[in-house]
Amino acid sequence: MDLSDKFARGQTLFFRFFADAFFAKRYGHRAVVLETVAGVPGMVAGMWIHLKSLRQMKTGYGPMIRELLAEAENERMHLMFFIEIAKPNWLERALILCAQAVFWNYYFIFYVFFPKTAHKMVHYFEEEAVSSYTSYLQLIESGQIEDVPAPQLAIDYYEALGPGARLSDMVRCVRADEQTHSNANLRMAGGQADDVSSEATSAGQASADSNPTGLQA
């Protein structure tokens, strides 16, 4: 494990500590705050690479830009789903504002100088998200959390969800998205991604559909 990897892991554990301290096993509320933060890296990285392409007046960045922006949009949709589930109060909404303000600036500076380590950190973030959603799903399946109907927004978003979809079905789709993002960021960091989950999600489709013309610039 090199210094970059140690730093990326350390940052992940640091942010997880605060998530555990504030939310413990309140997974719905935890998801609201964490998905707010999760929507930042793809947007920051996509924006920076877009500007890099403009500065250098070079093509070749298009696929990566579209993939990163699709990731950010997918994370934004996760937030919209869990807002309907958790109904955050004013304190949690204030925490969201603070978390986004701090993390946006932190990640932007970090990405400008250490992009590969930044992608590696997001890879570990997403692995933690997969673990968190797995724990959430176990509580739902054991009956400790009610398996309420999935929000209509999630049913419309995921092709795999039908009219009778439940919270557990939605969490499985969200978890698969997070695994996809984990693999993608590991690849961008120069690592070897695991096999992408075969579970049907909209994340990969969003990335493909964001370039309907087939242009690669």
Protein backbone atom coordinates (compact mmCIF):
# COMPACT_ATOMS: atom_id res chain seq x y z
CA MET A 1 0.00 0.00 0.00
CA ASP A 2 1.62 3.29 -1.11
CA LEU A 3 1.25 6.74 0.46
CA SER A 4 -1.56 7.70 -1.93
CA ASP A 5 -3.55 4.62 -0.98
CA LYS A 6 -2.99 5.16 2.74
CA PHE A 7 -4.13 8.77 2.49
CA ALA A 8 -7.24 7.83 0.51
CA ARG A 9 -8.15 5.14 3.04
CA GLY A 10 -7.45 7.49 5.95
CA GLN A 11 -9.75 10.17 4.55
CA THR A 12 -12.48 7.60 4.07
CA LEU A 13 -12.21 6.44 7.69
CA PHE A 14 -12.20 10.09 8.84
CA PHE A 15 -15.48 10.89 7.07
CA ARG A 16 -17.00 7.57 8.14
CA PHE A 17 -16.30 8.46 11.78
CA PHE A 18 -18.50 11.54 11.51
CA ALA A 19 -21.22 9.66 9.65
CA ASP A 20 -21.27 6.99 12.38
CA ALA A 21 -21.22 9.60 15.15
CA PHE A 22 -24.15 11.59 13.75
CA PHE A 23 -26.37 8.86 12.32
CA ALA A 24 -25.33 5.45 13.68
CA LYS A 25 -27.94 3.09 12.19
CA ARG A 26 -30.38 5.75 10.99
CA TYR A 27 -29.60 4.73 7.45
CA GLY A 28 -32.25 6.76 5.69
CA HIS A 29 -31.04 10.02 7.24
CA ARG A 30 -27.43 8.94 6.81
CA ALA A 31 -28.06 8.40 3.09
CA VAL A 32 -29.50 11.91 2.70
CA VAL A 33 -26.35 13.59 3.99
CA LEU A 34 -23.88 11.19 2.38
CA GLU A 35 -25.54 11.36 -1.04
CA THR A 36 -25.27 15.15 -0.87
CA VAL A 37 -21.51 14.76 -0.48
CA ALA A 38 -21.35 11.89 -2.99
CA GLY A 39 -22.75 14.14 -5.71
CA VAL A 40 -19.74 16.47 -5.44
CA PRO A 41 -16.74 14.48 -6.80
CA GLY A 42 -18.18 13.65 -10.21
CA MET A 43 -19.26 17.24 -10.78
CA VAL A 44 -15.94 18.70 -9.59
CA ALA A 45 -13.85 16.26 -11.63
CA GLY A 46 -16.03 16.59 -14.73
CA MET A 47 -15.91 20.38 -14.52
CA TRP A 48 -12.13 20.44 -14.04
CA ILE A 49 -11.44 18.07 -16.95
CA HIS A 50 -13.83 20.10 -19.12
CA LEU A 51 -11.84 23.25 -18.32
CA LYS A 52 -8.60 21.36 -18.91
CA SER A 53 -9.81 20.40 -22.38
CA LEU A 54 -10.65 24.05 -23.09
CA ARG A 55 -7.28 25.30 -21.83
CA GLN A 56 -5.30 22.76 -23.81
CA MET A 57 -7.60 23.02 -26.83
CA LYS A 58 -7.50 19.22 -27.16
CA THR A 59 -10.07 16.53 -27.74
CA GLY A 60 -10.10 13.10 -26.10
CA TYR A 61 -11.60 14.14 -22.77
CA GLY A 62 -15.25 13.80 -23.78
CA PRO A 63 -15.95 10.23 -22.60
CA MET A 64 -14.46 10.84 -19.16
CA ILE A 65 -16.30 14.15 -18.75
CA ARG A 66 -19.62 12.54 -19.63
CA GLU A 67 -18.99 9.58 -17.34
CA LEU A 68 -18.17 11.82 -14.38
CA LEU A 69 -21.15 14.11 -14.91
CA ALA A 70 -23.43 11.07 -15.25
CA GLU A 71 -22.06 9.83 -11.92
CA ALA A 72 -22.85 13.18 -10.27
CA GLU A 73 -26.39 13.14 -11.70
CA ASN A 74 -26.92 9.57 -10.51
CA GLU A 75 -25.85 10.52 -6.97
CA ARG A 76 -28.19 13.52 -7.09
CA MET A 77 -31.06 11.21 -7.91
CA HIS A 78 -30.16 8.97 -4.96
CA LEU A 79 -30.52 12.04 -2.75
CA MET A 80 -33.95 12.79 -4.18
CA PHE A 81 -35.09 9.22 -3.42
CA PHE A 82 -33.96 9.27 0.20
CA ILE A 83 -35.37 12.73 0.89
CA GLU A 84 -38.80 11.16 0.29
CA ILE A 85 -37.95 8.28 2.63
CA ALA A 86 -36.21 10.12 5.49
CA LYS A 87 -37.95 13.52 5.46
CA PRO A 88 -34.89 15.43 6.84
CA ASN A 89 -35.52 18.02 9.53
CA TRP A 90 -34.09 21.55 9.63
CA LEU A 91 -30.96 20.45 11.52
CA GLU A 92 -30.15 17.79 8.95
CA ARG A 93 -30.77 20.25 6.12
CA ALA A 94 -28.35 22.70 7.78
CA LEU A 95 -25.81 19.90 8.11
CA ILE A 96 -26.22 19.16 4.40
CA LEU A 97 -25.43 22.79 3.53
CA CYS A 98 -22.33 22.79 5.72
CA ALA A 99 -21.11 19.41 4.50
CA GLN A 100 -21.49 20.39 0.86
CA ALA A 101 -19.80 23.77 1.30
CA VAL A 102 -16.80 22.26 3.08
CA PHE A 103 -16.44 19.18 0.91
CA TRP A 104 -16.82 20.99 -2.41
CA ASN A 105 -13.89 23.31 -1.70
CA TYR A 106 -11.79 20.58 -0.13
CA TYR A 107 -12.31 18.15 -3.01
CA PHE A 108 -11.77 20.78 -5.69
CA ILE A 109 -8.36 21.77 -4.33
CA PHE A 110 -7.45 18.14 -3.74
CA TYR A 111 -8.49 17.10 -7.25
CA VAL A 112 -6.53 19.88 -8.95
CA PHE A 113 -3.25 18.74 -7.38
CA PHE A 114 -3.79 15.00 -6.79
CA PRO A 115 -6.43 13.70 -9.22
CA LYS A 116 -5.47 10.00 -9.05
CA THR A 117 -5.50 9.99 -5.25
CA ALA A 118 -8.84 11.84 -5.35
CA HIS A 119 -10.34 9.13 -7.56
CA LYS A 120 -8.91 6.48 -5.26
CA MET A 121 -10.52 8.20 -2.28
CA VAL A 122 -13.90 8.23 -4.06
CA HIS A 123 -13.41 4.52 -4.79
CA TYR A 124 -13.10 3.88 -1.04
CA PHE A 125 -16.04 6.20 -0.32
CA GLU A 126 -18.17 4.17 -2.68
CA GLU A 127 -17.03 0.88 -1.14
CA GLU A 128 -18.17 2.24 2.23
CA ALA A 129 -21.48 3.21 0.64
CA VAL A 130 -21.92 -0.35 -0.66
CA SER A 131 -21.25 -1.67 2.85
CA SER A 132 -23.65 0.85 4.38
CA TYR A 133 -26.46 0.00 1.96
CA THR A 134 -25.88 -3.70 2.58
CA SER A 135 -26.38 -3.12 6.32
CA TYR A 136 -29.47 -1.01 5.55
CA LEU A 137 -30.88 -3.81 3.39
CA GLN A 138 -30.26 -6.40 6.10
CA LEU A 139 -32.26 -4.33 8.60
CA ILE A 140 -35.12 -4.01 6.11
CA GLU A 141 -35.13 -7.73 5.32
CA SER A 142 -35.04 -8.64 9.01
CA GLY A 143 -38.07 -6.45 9.70
CA GLN A 144 -36.24 -3.93 11.89
CA ILE A 145 -36.96 -1.23 9.29
CA GLU A 146 -40.31 -1.19 7.50
CA ASP A 147 -40.11 -2.13 3.83
CA VAL A 148 -42.26 0.77 2.66
CA PRO A 149 -43.18 1.34 -0.99
CA ALA A 150 -40.37 2.80 -3.07
CA PRO A 151 -40.83 6.46 -4.07
CA GLN A 152 -42.43 6.91 -7.46
CA LEU A 153 -39.39 8.90 -8.54
CA ALA A 154 -37.19 5.82 -8.03
CA ILE A 155 -39.67 3.57 -9.85
CA ASP A 156 -39.63 5.94 -12.82
CA TYR A 157 -35.82 6.16 -12.75
CA TYR A 158 -34.92 2.47 -12.56
CA GLU A 159 -36.11 0.20 -15.33
CA ALA A 160 -35.72 -2.78 -12.98
CA LEU A 161 -38.38 -1.45 -10.58
CA GLY A 162 -42.03 -2.16 -11.23
CA PRO A 163 -45.16 -0.47 -9.84
CA GLY A 164 -45.08 -2.58 -6.66
CA ALA A 165 -41.41 -1.97 -5.85
CA ARG A 166 -40.45 -1.63 -2.19
CA LEU A 167 -37.71 0.21 -0.33
CA SER A 168 -35.56 -2.94 -0.32
CA ASP A 169 -35.74 -3.12 -4.13
CA MET A 170 -34.66 0.50 -4.42
CA VAL A 171 -31.77 0.04 -1.99
CA ARG A 172 -30.48 -2.88 -4.09
CA CYS A 173 -30.47 -0.66 -7.18
CA VAL A 174 -28.75 2.20 -5.36
CA ARG A 175 -26.15 -0.20 -3.95
CA ALA A 176 -25.43 -1.50 -7.47
CA ASP A 177 -24.97 2.09 -8.67
CA GLU A 178 -22.44 2.71 -5.89
CA GLN A 179 -20.49 -0.40 -6.87
CA THR A 180 -20.41 0.85 -10.45
CA HIS A 181 -19.03 4.21 -9.30
CA SER A 182 -16.47 2.47 -7.10
CA ASN A 183 -15.19 0.45 -10.04
CA ALA A 184 -15.11 3.49 -12.33
CA ASN A 185 -13.12 5.62 -9.90
CA LEU A 186 -10.65 2.82 -9.24
CA ARG A 187 -10.10 2.59 -13.00
CA MET A 188 -9.60 6.37 -13.25
CA ALA A 189 -7.10 6.17 -10.39
CA GLY A 190 -5.09 3.71 -12.44
CA GLY A 191 -6.15 0.62 -10.52
CA GLN A 192 -7.84 -2.60 -11.61
CA ALA A 193 -11.61 -2.44 -11.20
CA ASP A 194 -13.59 -5.45 -10.08
CA ASP A 195 -16.29 -6.86 -12.33
CA VAL A 196 -19.18 -4.43 -12.50
CA SER A 197 -22.39 -5.62 -10.85
CA SER A 198 -24.79 -7.26 -13.25
CA GLU A 199 -27.79 -5.93 -11.35
CA ALA A 200 -29.91 -3.70 -13.57
CA THR A 201 -29.39 -0.01 -12.78
CA SER A 202 -29.70 3.32 -14.54
CA ALA A 203 -26.14 4.46 -13.77
CA GLY A 204 -24.47 2.75 -16.69
CA GLN A 205 -27.35 3.58 -18.98
CA ALA A 206 -27.14 7.24 -17.98
CA SER A 207 -23.48 7.29 -18.95
CA ALA A 208 -24.22 5.73 -22.33
CA ASP A 209 -27.27 7.87 -23.06
CA SER A 210 -25.42 11.11 -22.26
CA ASN A 211 -23.64 10.82 -25.61
CA PRO A 212 -26.43 9.99 -28.10
CA THR A 213 -24.45 11.25 -31.10
CA GLY A 214 -21.57 8.83 -30.55
CA LEU A 215 -18.98 11.66 -30.65
CA GLN A 216 -15.87 11.00 -28.54
CA ALA A 217 -14.39 14.52 -28.27
